[in-house]
Amino acid sequence: MRVVFAGTPEAALPSLRAIAASRHELVGVVTRPDARAGRGRSLRTSPVGLLGEQLGVPVLKPRSAKEPGFAEDLAALEPDVCPVVAYGSLVPRPVLDIPRHGWVNLHFSLLPAWRGAAPVQHAILHGDEVTGATAFLLEEGMDTGPVLGTMTETIRRTDTSGDLLGRLAEAGAGLLVAALDGLADGSITPVTQPSEGVSMAPKITVEDAEIRWQEPSFAIDRRVRACTPAPGAWTTYRDARLKIEKLDQDVPGDIRLGAGELLATKRAVYVGTGTTPVRLDTVQPHGKKAMAAADWARGVRVAEGEKLT
């Protein structure tokens, strides 16, 4: 089949590579427009856009899938199917109807669980033990289309959202190609999603990433892992924001601290929670690079009784 791939971030690259290496013909790529990034705020092409250029196919960069002229540009590529992974723009009905086999979305959850922008983060935040990926036919609704196939993945105790997304992106690429193969030879029958078990996964905001030290230690651990690497879990120390990149719940049982209360020793930094304390492993002060928590504590000279708020 003639394939036009839609995607934007790093997580979409394994799928694009797998499709380019498959028996299908990659004839184009759709991605988000170049955006300003980095300290110099220079314009940068998305990871998918860069790979599309390297593969030597046309790269379309509409401001949105509703942009005038985009439907015509896409139709000119004569796609049979448009696989999509984390593209970042809603696709309107006239554009959905262009490829004869539709748009096949790879979503990083077991639908209908965690429909929306941040399925991996919400799976970790809510303590799920198993997640996965789903290939489904895109509709105008939010991740509501009929399912073509799924795969499962265990959530490990120390997984950050970055760790888990990396594994799902690699394994999901094979699922997506298999879905395209099944559509091409007619061996796959789309299955309507069940009405039970629906949950939503809206984008995690910076406000959502604030640590509440009154919560149980397990909930704080989940929030830190869910928000790593983005947007980054954070707290406040001496009126300045402090990111917490990694912490450990395995703490000596004789340590007793109030919620948010700090205890700095020569080799470790502990913080009280709503239950048992946690040990900070890696932190990032505002405007600085990430560092070991013990090094940070020595630099700022944490005083007895000080708190994170």
C-alpha atoms as a PDB file:
ATOM      1  CA  MET A   1       0.000   0.000   0.000  1.00  0.00           C
ATOM      2  CA  ARG A   2       0.987   3.626  -0.512  1.00  0.00           C
ATOM      3  CA  VAL A   3       1.560   5.077   2.953  1.00  0.00           C
ATOM      4  CA  VAL A   4       1.713   8.636   4.256  1.00  0.00           C
ATOM      5  CA  PHE A   5       2.924   8.655   7.866  1.00  0.00           C
ATOM      6  CA  ALA A   6       1.810  11.320  10.361  1.00  0.00           C
ATOM      7  CA  GLY A   7       3.746  11.970  13.563  1.00  0.00           C
ATOM      8  CA  THR A   8       5.929  14.478  15.367  1.00  0.00           C
ATOM      9  CA  PRO A   9       8.072  13.465  18.399  1.00  0.00           C
ATOM     10  CA  GLU A  10      10.852  10.943  19.054  1.00  0.00           C
ATOM     11  CA  ALA A  11       8.303   8.339  20.144  1.00  0.00           C
ATOM     12  CA  ALA A  12       6.986   8.150  16.570  1.00  0.00           C
ATOM     13  CA  LEU A  13      10.381   7.369  15.012  1.00  0.00           C
ATOM     14  CA  PRO A  14      10.409   3.578  15.572  1.00  0.00           C
ATOM     15  CA  SER A  15       7.082   3.300  13.728  1.00  0.00           C
ATOM     16  CA  LEU A  16       8.276   5.469  10.841  1.00  0.00           C
ATOM     17  CA  ARG A  17      11.452   3.399  10.505  1.00  0.00           C
ATOM     18  CA  ALA A  18       9.486   0.145  10.628  1.00  0.00           C
ATOM     19  CA  ILE A  19       7.084   1.309   7.919  1.00  0.00           C
ATOM     20  CA  ALA A  20       9.952   2.526   5.725  1.00  0.00           C
ATOM     21  CA  ALA A  21      11.506  -0.954   6.016  1.00  0.00           C
ATOM     22  CA  SER A  22       8.223  -2.804   5.406  1.00  0.00           C
ATOM     23  CA  ARG A  23       6.695  -4.074   2.172  1.00  0.00           C
ATOM     24  CA  HIS A  24       4.546  -0.940   2.006  1.00  0.00           C
ATOM     25  CA  GLU A  25       5.591   2.133   0.009  1.00  0.00           C
ATOM     26  CA  LEU A  26       6.265   5.232   2.093  1.00  0.00           C
ATOM     27  CA  VAL A  27       5.284   8.159  -0.153  1.00  0.00           C
ATOM     28  CA  GLY A  28       5.168  11.038   2.327  1.00  0.00           C
ATOM     29  CA  VAL A  29       5.264  12.297   5.906  1.00  0.00           C
ATOM     30  CA  VAL A  30       2.996  14.748   7.749  1.00  0.00           C
ATOM     31  CA  THR A  31       4.333  16.482  10.846  1.00  0.00           C
ATOM     32  CA  ARG A  32       3.896  19.627  12.917  1.00  0.00           C
ATOM     33  CA  PRO A  33       5.506  22.847  11.657  1.00  0.00           C
ATOM     34  CA  ASP A  34       9.049  23.783  12.640  1.00  0.00           C
ATOM     35  CA  ALA A  35       9.073  25.221  16.152  1.00  0.00           C
ATOM     36  CA  ARG A  36      11.451  27.383  18.163  1.00  0.00           C
ATOM     37  CA  ALA A  37      13.455  25.437  20.743  1.00  0.00           C
ATOM     38  CA  GLY A  38      16.662  25.577  22.745  1.00  0.00           C
ATOM     39  CA  ARG A  39      18.363  28.528  24.375  1.00  0.00           C
ATOM     40  CA  GLY A  40      18.769  30.300  21.042  1.00  0.00           C
ATOM     41  CA  ARG A  41      15.070  29.778  20.233  1.00  0.00           C
ATOM     42  CA  SER A  42      16.000  28.800  16.684  1.00  0.00           C
ATOM     43  CA  LEU A  43      13.503  27.067  14.403  1.00  0.00           C
ATOM     44  CA  ARG A  44      13.836  23.292  14.519  1.00  0.00           C
ATOM     45  CA  THR A  45      12.230  20.586  12.441  1.00  0.00           C
ATOM     46  CA  SER A  46      10.438  17.849  14.372  1.00  0.00           C
ATOM     47  CA  PRO A  47      12.164  14.447  14.788  1.00  0.00           C
ATOM     48  CA  VAL A  48       9.666  12.892  12.354  1.00  0.00           C
ATOM     49  CA  GLY A  49      10.202  15.706   9.866  1.00  0.00           C
ATOM     50  CA  LEU A  50      13.969  15.225   9.990  1.00  0.00           C
ATOM     51  CA  LEU A  51      13.692  11.474   9.419  1.00  0.00           C
ATOM     52  CA  GLY A  52      11.229  12.022   6.583  1.00  0.00           C
ATOM     53  CA  GLU A  53      13.750  14.308   4.895  1.00  0.00           C
ATOM     54  CA  GLN A  54      16.485  11.701   5.363  1.00  0.00           C
ATOM     55  CA  LEU A  55      14.230   9.074   3.796  1.00  0.00           C
ATOM     56  CA  GLY A  56      13.778  11.325   0.771  1.00  0.00           C
ATOM     57  CA  VAL A  57       9.981  11.608   0.816  1.00  0.00           C
ATOM     58  CA  PRO A  58       7.816  14.751   0.711  1.00  0.00           C
ATOM     59  CA  VAL A  59       7.310  16.258   4.178  1.00  0.00           C
ATOM     60  CA  LEU A  60       4.079  18.210   4.745  1.00  0.00           C
ATOM     61  CA  LYS A  61       4.017  20.640   7.697  1.00  0.00           C
ATOM     62  CA  PRO A  62       0.535  22.175   7.957  1.00  0.00           C
ATOM     63  CA  ARG A  63      -0.251  24.343  10.976  1.00  0.00           C
ATOM     64  CA  SER A  64      -3.187  21.982  11.478  1.00  0.00           C
ATOM     65  CA  ALA A  65      -4.922  19.271   9.499  1.00  0.00           C
ATOM     66  CA  LYS A  66      -7.657  21.847   8.800  1.00  0.00           C
ATOM     67  CA  GLU A  67      -5.273  24.244   7.055  1.00  0.00           C
ATOM     68  CA  PRO A  68      -6.470  25.297   3.583  1.00  0.00           C
ATOM     69  CA  GLY A  69      -4.644  23.354   0.910  1.00  0.00           C
ATOM     70  CA  PHE A  70      -3.496  20.507   3.157  1.00  0.00           C
ATOM     71  CA  ALA A  71      -6.239  18.112   2.019  1.00  0.00           C
ATOM     72  CA  GLU A  72      -5.290  18.739  -1.599  1.00  0.00           C
ATOM     73  CA  ASP A  73      -1.572  18.225  -0.884  1.00  0.00           C
ATOM     74  CA  LEU A  74      -2.285  14.965   0.922  1.00  0.00           C
ATOM     75  CA  ALA A  75      -4.642  13.715  -1.790  1.00  0.00           C
ATOM     76  CA  ALA A  76      -1.964  14.409  -4.400  1.00  0.00           C
ATOM     77  CA  LEU A  77       0.234  11.781  -2.728  1.00  0.00           C
ATOM     78  CA  GLU A  78      -2.555   9.204  -3.342  1.00  0.00           C
ATOM     79  CA  PRO A  79      -2.215   7.364   0.001  1.00  0.00           C
ATOM     80  CA  ASP A  80      -3.978   4.068   0.574  1.00  0.00           C
ATOM     81  CA  VAL A  81      -3.577   4.474   4.337  1.00  0.00           C
ATOM     82  CA  CYS A  82      -2.220   7.044   6.793  1.00  0.00           C
ATOM     83  CA  PRO A  83      -0.665   5.562   9.950  1.00  0.00           C
ATOM     84  CA  VAL A  84      -0.361   8.132  12.717  1.00  0.00           C
ATOM     85  CA  VAL A  85       1.682   8.177  15.943  1.00  0.00           C
ATOM     86  CA  ALA A  86       1.575  11.202  18.260  1.00  0.00           C
ATOM     87  CA  TYR A  87       0.945  13.653  15.445  1.00  0.00           C
ATOM     88  CA  GLY A  88      -0.494  16.344  17.721  1.00  0.00           C
ATOM     89  CA  SER A  89      -3.391  17.691  15.654  1.00  0.00           C
ATOM     90  CA  LEU A  90      -6.993  16.579  15.278  1.00  0.00           C
ATOM     91  CA  VAL A  91      -7.845  15.285  11.801  1.00  0.00           C
ATOM     92  CA  PRO A  92     -11.170  16.504  10.342  1.00  0.00           C
ATOM     93  CA  ARG A  93     -13.577  14.239   8.469  1.00  0.00           C
ATOM     94  CA  PRO A  94     -12.677  15.416   4.915  1.00  0.00           C
ATOM     95  CA  VAL A  95      -9.027  14.553   5.569  1.00  0.00           C
ATOM     96  CA  LEU A  96      -9.879  11.270   7.308  1.00  0.00           C
ATOM     97  CA  ASP A  97     -11.730  10.211   4.155  1.00  0.00           C
ATOM     98  CA  ILE A  98      -8.787  10.703   1.769  1.00  0.00           C
ATOM     99  CA  PRO A  99      -6.987   7.324   2.163  1.00  0.00           C
ATOM    100  CA  ARG A 100      -9.218   4.392   1.187  1.00  0.00           C
ATOM    101  CA  HIS A 101      -8.157   2.394   4.262  1.00  0.00           C
ATOM    102  CA  GLY A 102      -8.391   5.409   6.567  1.00  0.00           C
ATOM    103  CA  TRP A 103      -5.991   6.579   9.260  1.00  0.00           C
ATOM    104  CA  VAL A 104      -4.516   3.952  11.597  1.00  0.00           C
ATOM    105  CA  ASN A 105      -3.524   5.387  14.968  1.00  0.00           C
ATOM    106  CA  LEU A 106      -1.003   3.771  17.309  1.00  0.00           C
ATOM    107  CA  HIS A 107      -2.044   4.783  20.832  1.00  0.00           C
ATOM    108  CA  PHE A 108       0.034   3.932  23.890  1.00  0.00           C
ATOM    109  CA  SER A 109      -2.636   2.358  26.091  1.00  0.00           C
ATOM    110  CA  LEU A 110      -5.049  -0.559  26.035  1.00  0.00           C
ATOM    111  CA  LEU A 111      -8.122   1.240  24.757  1.00  0.00           C
ATOM    112  CA  PRO A 112     -10.675   2.225  25.918  1.00  0.00           C
ATOM    113  CA  ALA A 113      -8.435   2.905  28.940  1.00  0.00           C
ATOM    114  CA  TRP A 114      -6.564   6.211  28.945  1.00  0.00           C
ATOM    115  CA  ARG A 115      -7.929   7.942  25.877  1.00  0.00           C
ATOM    116  CA  GLY A 116      -6.209  11.272  25.322  1.00  0.00           C
ATOM    117  CA  ALA A 117      -2.855  13.018  25.156  1.00  0.00           C
ATOM    118  CA  ALA A 118      -0.960  11.450  28.087  1.00  0.00           C
ATOM    119  CA  PRO A 119      -1.841   7.739  28.408  1.00  0.00           C
ATOM    120  CA  VAL A 120       1.603   6.606  29.596  1.00  0.00           C
ATOM    121  CA  GLN A 121       1.839   9.275  32.299  1.00  0.00           C
ATOM    122  CA  HIS A 122      -1.643   8.529  33.615  1.00  0.00           C
ATOM    123  CA  ALA A 123      -1.020   4.768  33.696  1.00  0.00           C
ATOM    124  CA  ILE A 124       1.971   5.317  35.984  1.00  0.00           C
ATOM    125  CA  LEU A 125       0.305   8.074  38.010  1.00  0.00           C
ATOM    126  CA  HIS A 126      -2.679   5.828  38.795  1.00  0.00           C
ATOM    127  CA  GLY A 127      -0.609   2.772  39.671  1.00  0.00           C
ATOM    128  CA  ASP A 128      -1.499   0.495  36.745  1.00  0.00           C
ATOM    129  CA  GLU A 129       0.532  -2.710  36.662  1.00  0.00           C
ATOM    130  CA  VAL A 130      -0.009  -3.436  32.961  1.00  0.00           C
ATOM    131  CA  THR A 131      -0.481  -1.178  29.964  1.00  0.00           C
ATOM    132  CA  GLY A 132       0.141  -1.591  26.245  1.00  0.00           C
ATOM    133  CA  ALA A 133      -0.515  -0.160  22.822  1.00  0.00           C
ATOM    134  CA  THR A 134      -3.527  -0.219  20.504  1.00  0.00           C
ATOM    135  CA  ALA A 135      -3.723   0.141  16.733  1.00  0.00           C
ATOM    136  CA  PHE A 136      -7.142   1.459  15.756  1.00  0.00           C
ATOM    137  CA  LEU A 137      -8.948   3.273  12.954  1.00  0.00           C
ATOM    138  CA  LEU A 138      -9.065   6.986  13.610  1.00  0.00           C
ATOM    139  CA  GLU A 139     -12.453   8.686  13.954  1.00  0.00           C
ATOM    140  CA  GLU A 140     -13.424  12.255  14.796  1.00  0.00           C
ATOM    141  CA  GLY A 141     -13.959  11.223  18.448  1.00  0.00           C
ATOM    142  CA  MET A 142     -11.111  11.108  20.999  1.00  0.00           C
ATOM    143  CA  ASP A 143      -9.484   7.688  20.470  1.00  0.00           C
ATOM    144  CA  THR A 144     -12.860   6.004  19.977  1.00  0.00           C
ATOM    145  CA  GLY A 145     -12.335   4.113  16.705  1.00  0.00           C
ATOM    146  CA  PRO A 146     -12.524   0.354  16.124  1.00  0.00           C
ATOM    147  CA  VAL A 147      -9.490  -1.667  17.193  1.00  0.00           C
ATOM    148  CA  LEU A 148      -7.200  -3.517  14.772  1.00  0.00           C
ATOM    149  CA  GLY A 149      -4.804  -5.012  17.325  1.00  0.00           C
ATOM    150  CA  THR A 150      -3.194  -4.641  20.750  1.00  0.00           C
ATOM    151  CA  MET A 151      -0.035  -5.531  22.640  1.00  0.00           C
ATOM    152  CA  THR A 152       0.647  -5.512  26.392  1.00  0.00           C
ATOM    153  CA  GLU A 153       3.570  -4.274  28.457  1.00  0.00           C
ATOM    154  CA  THR A 154       4.265  -4.639  32.183  1.00  0.00           C
ATOM    155  CA  ILE A 155       4.888  -1.414  34.091  1.00  0.00           C
ATOM    156  CA  ARG A 156       8.035  -1.906  36.141  1.00  0.00           C
ATOM    157  CA  ARG A 157       8.358  -0.583  39.679  1.00  0.00           C
ATOM    158  CA  THR A 158      10.970   2.018  38.718  1.00  0.00           C
ATOM    159  CA  ASP A 159       9.580   2.999  35.294  1.00  0.00           C
ATOM    160  CA  THR A 160       9.402   6.676  34.442  1.00  0.00           C
ATOM    161  CA  SER A 161       7.055   7.733  31.678  1.00  0.00           C
ATOM    162  CA  GLY A 162      10.128   8.132  29.470  1.00  0.00           C
ATOM    163  CA  ASP A 163      11.262   4.558  30.148  1.00  0.00           C
ATOM    164  CA  LEU A 164       7.834   3.082  29.500  1.00  0.00           C
ATOM    165  CA  LEU A 165       7.138   5.186  26.417  1.00  0.00           C
ATOM    166  CA  GLY A 166      10.449   4.094  24.922  1.00  0.00           C
ATOM    167  CA  ARG A 167       9.549   0.413  25.236  1.00  0.00           C
ATOM    168  CA  LEU A 168       6.017   0.940  23.940  1.00  0.00           C
ATOM    169  CA  ALA A 169       7.279   2.957  20.968  1.00  0.00           C
ATOM    170  CA  GLU A 170       9.645   0.160  19.916  1.00  0.00           C
ATOM    171  CA  ALA A 171       7.204  -2.723  20.429  1.00  0.00           C
ATOM    172  CA  GLY A 172       4.253  -0.756  19.070  1.00  0.00           C
ATOM    173  CA  ALA A 173       6.022  -0.214  15.750  1.00  0.00           C
ATOM    174  CA  GLY A 174       5.656  -3.917  14.970  1.00  0.00           C
ATOM    175  CA  LEU A 175       1.983  -3.805  15.940  1.00  0.00           C
ATOM    176  CA  LEU A 176       1.375  -0.881  13.600  1.00  0.00           C
ATOM    177  CA  VAL A 177       3.044  -2.596  10.624  1.00  0.00           C
ATOM    178  CA  ALA A 178       1.064  -5.769  11.360  1.00  0.00           C
ATOM    179  CA  ALA A 179      -2.144  -3.717  11.304  1.00  0.00           C
ATOM    180  CA  LEU A 180      -1.210  -2.278   7.910  1.00  0.00           C
ATOM    181  CA  ASP A 181      -0.425  -5.761   6.622  1.00  0.00           C
ATOM    182  CA  GLY A 182      -3.822  -6.990   7.819  1.00  0.00           C
ATOM    183  CA  LEU A 183      -5.647  -4.127   6.129  1.00  0.00           C
ATOM    184  CA  ALA A 184      -3.762  -4.770   2.891  1.00  0.00           C
ATOM    185  CA  ASP A 185      -4.637  -8.459   2.701  1.00  0.00           C
ATOM    186  CA  GLY A 186      -8.041  -8.246   4.373  1.00  0.00           C
ATOM    187  CA  SER A 187      -7.106 -10.516   7.278  1.00  0.00           C
ATOM    188  CA  ILE A 188      -8.029  -8.015  10.032  1.00  0.00           C
ATOM    189  CA  THR A 189     -11.583  -7.236  11.108  1.00  0.00           C
ATOM    190  CA  PRO A 190     -11.913  -3.988  13.118  1.00  0.00           C
ATOM    191  CA  VAL A 191     -13.535  -4.539  16.531  1.00  0.00           C
ATOM    192  CA  THR A 192     -15.672  -1.860  18.176  1.00  0.00           C
ATOM    193  CA  GLN A 193     -14.296  -0.646  21.501  1.00  0.00           C
ATOM    194  CA  PRO A 194     -16.318  -1.697  24.567  1.00  0.00           C
ATOM    195  CA  SER A 195     -18.364   0.947  26.326  1.00  0.00           C
ATOM    196  CA  GLU A 196     -17.054  -0.209  29.722  1.00  0.00           C
ATOM    197  CA  GLY A 197     -13.621   0.644  31.100  1.00  0.00           C
ATOM    198  CA  VAL A 198     -13.314   4.085  29.507  1.00  0.00           C
ATOM    199  CA  SER A 199     -10.863   6.459  31.201  1.00  0.00           C
ATOM    200  CA  MET A 200      -9.397   9.746  30.039  1.00  0.00           C
ATOM    201  CA  ALA A 201      -5.766  10.873  29.990  1.00  0.00           C
ATOM    202  CA  PRO A 202      -5.595  14.649  29.475  1.00  0.00           C
ATOM    203  CA  LYS A 203      -2.250  16.396  29.118  1.00  0.00           C
ATOM    204  CA  ILE A 204      -0.255  16.593  32.347  1.00  0.00           C
ATOM    205  CA  THR A 205       0.299  20.259  33.185  1.00  0.00           C
ATOM    206  CA  VAL A 206       3.036  21.883  35.240  1.00  0.00           C
ATOM    207  CA  GLU A 207       0.446  22.391  37.976  1.00  0.00           C
ATOM    208  CA  ASP A 208      -0.342  18.662  37.944  1.00  0.00           C
ATOM    209  CA  ALA A 209       3.373  17.939  38.429  1.00  0.00           C
ATOM    210  CA  GLU A 210       3.611  19.736  41.782  1.00  0.00           C
ATOM    211  CA  ILE A 211       4.449  17.292  44.581  1.00  0.00           C
ATOM    212  CA  ARG A 212       2.033  17.206  47.508  1.00  0.00           C
ATOM    213  CA  TRP A 213       4.138  16.019  50.443  1.00  0.00           C
ATOM    214  CA  GLN A 214       0.998  15.250  52.470  1.00  0.00           C
ATOM    215  CA  GLU A 215       0.255  12.377  50.057  1.00  0.00           C
ATOM    216  CA  PRO A 216       1.432   8.814  50.819  1.00  0.00           C
ATOM    217  CA  SER A 217       4.976   8.002  49.726  1.00  0.00           C
ATOM    218  CA  PHE A 218       3.752   5.614  47.011  1.00  0.00           C
ATOM    219  CA  ALA A 219       1.618   8.372  45.444  1.00  0.00           C
ATOM    220  CA  ILE A 220       4.548  10.798  45.462  1.00  0.00           C
ATOM    221  CA  ASP A 221       6.759   8.157  43.846  1.00  0.00           C
ATOM    222  CA  ARG A 222       4.157   7.646  41.103  1.00  0.00           C
ATOM    223  CA  ARG A 223       3.873  11.385  40.461  1.00  0.00           C
ATOM    224  CA  VAL A 224       7.638  11.793  40.125  1.00  0.00           C
ATOM    225  CA  ARG A 225       7.950   8.840  37.755  1.00  0.00           C
ATOM    226  CA  ALA A 226       4.879   9.852  35.722  1.00  0.00           C
ATOM    227  CA  CYS A 227       6.198  13.395  35.239  1.00  0.00           C
ATOM    228  CA  THR A 228       9.740  12.358  34.284  1.00  0.00           C
ATOM    229  CA  PRO A 229      11.094  13.568  31.909  1.00  0.00           C
ATOM    230  CA  ALA A 230       8.226  15.986  31.201  1.00  0.00           C
ATOM    231  CA  PRO A 231       6.919  18.246  32.547  1.00  0.00           C
ATOM    232  CA  GLY A 232       9.077  17.346  35.561  1.00  0.00           C
ATOM    233  CA  ALA A 233       7.829  16.844  39.127  1.00  0.00           C
ATOM    234  CA  TRP A 234       8.654  19.811  41.327  1.00  0.00           C
ATOM    235  CA  THR A 235       8.466  21.298  44.765  1.00  0.00           C
ATOM    236  CA  THR A 236       9.542  24.566  46.414  1.00  0.00           C
ATOM    237  CA  TYR A 237      12.610  25.132  48.594  1.00  0.00           C
ATOM    238  CA  ARG A 238      13.390  28.576  49.993  1.00  0.00           C
ATOM    239  CA  ASP A 239      10.863  30.137  47.589  1.00  0.00           C
ATOM    240  CA  ALA A 240      12.568  28.620  44.508  1.00  0.00           C
ATOM    241  CA  ARG A 241      11.371  25.725  42.393  1.00  0.00           C
ATOM    242  CA  LEU A 242      13.240  22.437  42.757  1.00  0.00           C
ATOM    243  CA  LYS A 243      12.644  19.552  40.346  1.00  0.00           C
ATOM    244  CA  ILE A 244      12.729  16.038  41.721  1.00  0.00           C
ATOM    245  CA  GLU A 245      13.921  13.635  39.027  1.00  0.00           C
ATOM    246  CA  LYS A 246      14.326  10.486  41.097  1.00  0.00           C
ATOM    247  CA  LEU A 247      13.541   9.279  44.601  1.00  0.00           C
ATOM    248  CA  ASP A 248      13.576   6.022  46.540  1.00  0.00           C
ATOM    249  CA  GLN A 249      10.967   4.628  48.928  1.00  0.00           C
ATOM    250  CA  ASP A 250      13.414   2.228  50.602  1.00  0.00           C
ATOM    251  CA  VAL A 251      14.272   4.231  53.723  1.00  0.00           C
ATOM    252  CA  PRO A 252      15.500   3.080  57.155  1.00  0.00           C
ATOM    253  CA  GLY A 253      12.529   2.467  59.431  1.00  0.00           C
ATOM    254  CA  ASP A 254      13.870   4.593  62.285  1.00  0.00           C
ATOM    255  CA  ILE A 255      13.599   7.863  60.325  1.00  0.00           C
ATOM    256  CA  ARG A 256      10.566   9.933  61.312  1.00  0.00           C
ATOM    257  CA  LEU A 257       9.761  13.183  59.508  1.00  0.00           C
ATOM    258  CA  GLY A 258       6.738  15.418  59.057  1.00  0.00           C
ATOM    259  CA  ALA A 259       5.295  16.013  55.581  1.00  0.00           C
ATOM    260  CA  GLY A 260       7.870  17.939  53.555  1.00  0.00           C
ATOM    261  CA  GLU A 261      10.432  18.009  56.378  1.00  0.00           C
ATOM    262  CA  LEU A 262      14.044  17.576  55.251  1.00  0.00           C
ATOM    263  CA  LEU A 263      16.825  15.529  56.833  1.00  0.00           C
ATOM    264  CA  ALA A 264      20.248  15.804  55.195  1.00  0.00           C
ATOM    265  CA  THR A 265      23.077  13.461  56.167  1.00  0.00           C
ATOM    266  CA  LYS A 266      26.534  13.192  54.612  1.00  0.00           C
ATOM    267  CA  ARG A 267      25.334  10.714  51.990  1.00  0.00           C
ATOM    268  CA  ALA A 268      21.566  11.056  51.739  1.00  0.00           C
ATOM    269  CA  VAL A 269      18.632  13.462  51.796  1.00  0.00           C
ATOM    270  CA  TYR A 270      15.293  12.334  53.226  1.00  0.00           C
ATOM    271  CA  VAL A 271      11.888  14.011  53.000  1.00  0.00           C
ATOM    272  CA  GLY A 272       8.783  13.299  55.033  1.00  0.00           C
ATOM    273  CA  THR A 273       5.483  12.385  53.368  1.00  0.00           C
ATOM    274  CA  GLY A 274       1.960  11.609  54.511  1.00  0.00           C
ATOM    275  CA  THR A 275       3.215   8.119  55.411  1.00  0.00           C
ATOM    276  CA  THR A 276       6.867   7.014  55.452  1.00  0.00           C
ATOM    277  CA  PRO A 277       9.771   9.254  54.338  1.00  0.00           C
ATOM    278  CA  VAL A 278      11.433   8.989  50.928  1.00  0.00           C
ATOM    279  CA  ARG A 279      15.059   9.486  49.905  1.00  0.00           C
ATOM    280  CA  LEU A 280      15.836  12.017  47.190  1.00  0.00           C
ATOM    281  CA  ASP A 281      18.256  10.656  44.596  1.00  0.00           C
ATOM    282  CA  THR A 282      18.422  13.283  41.825  1.00  0.00           C
ATOM    283  CA  VAL A 283      17.253  16.896  41.906  1.00  0.00           C
ATOM    284  CA  GLN A 284      17.496  19.922  39.605  1.00  0.00           C
ATOM    285  CA  PRO A 285      17.578  23.397  41.156  1.00  0.00           C
ATOM    286  CA  HIS A 286      16.078  26.191  39.072  1.00  0.00           C
ATOM    287  CA  GLY A 287      18.489  27.310  36.344  1.00  0.00           C
ATOM    288  CA  LYS A 288      20.990  24.526  37.015  1.00  0.00           C
ATOM    289  CA  LYS A 289      21.740  21.004  35.822  1.00  0.00           C
ATOM    290  CA  ALA A 290      20.465  17.877  37.546  1.00  0.00           C
ATOM    291  CA  MET A 291      22.652  16.649  40.407  1.00  0.00           C
ATOM    292  CA  ALA A 292      22.794  14.139  43.219  1.00  0.00           C
ATOM    293  CA  ALA A 293      20.537  15.227  46.067  1.00  0.00           C
ATOM    294  CA  ALA A 294      23.357  14.907  48.620  1.00  0.00           C
ATOM    295  CA  ASP A 295      25.515  17.304  46.572  1.00  0.00           C
ATOM    296  CA  TRP A 296      22.641  19.766  46.361  1.00  0.00           C
ATOM    297  CA  ALA A 297      22.045  19.596  50.112  1.00  0.00           C
ATOM    298  CA  ARG A 298      25.712  20.266  50.890  1.00  0.00           C
ATOM    299  CA  GLY A 299      25.708  23.246  48.524  1.00  0.00           C
ATOM    300  CA  VAL A 300      22.639  24.920  50.017  1.00  0.00           C
ATOM    301  CA  ARG A 301      23.425  23.790  53.602  1.00  0.00           C
ATOM    302  CA  VAL A 302      20.024  22.401  54.505  1.00  0.00           C
ATOM    303  CA  ALA A 303      19.230  23.422  58.075  1.00  0.00           C
ATOM    304  CA  GLU A 304      17.480  21.266  60.668  1.00  0.00           C
ATOM    305  CA  GLY A 305      13.706  21.573  60.417  1.00  0.00           C
ATOM    306  CA  GLU A 306      13.622  23.049  56.899  1.00  0.00           C
ATOM    307  CA  LYS A 307      10.850  21.875  54.594  1.00  0.00           C
ATOM    308  CA  LEU A 308       9.937  21.394  50.971  1.00  0.00           C
ATOM    309  CA  THR A 309       6.568  22.949  50.232  1.00  0.00           C
END
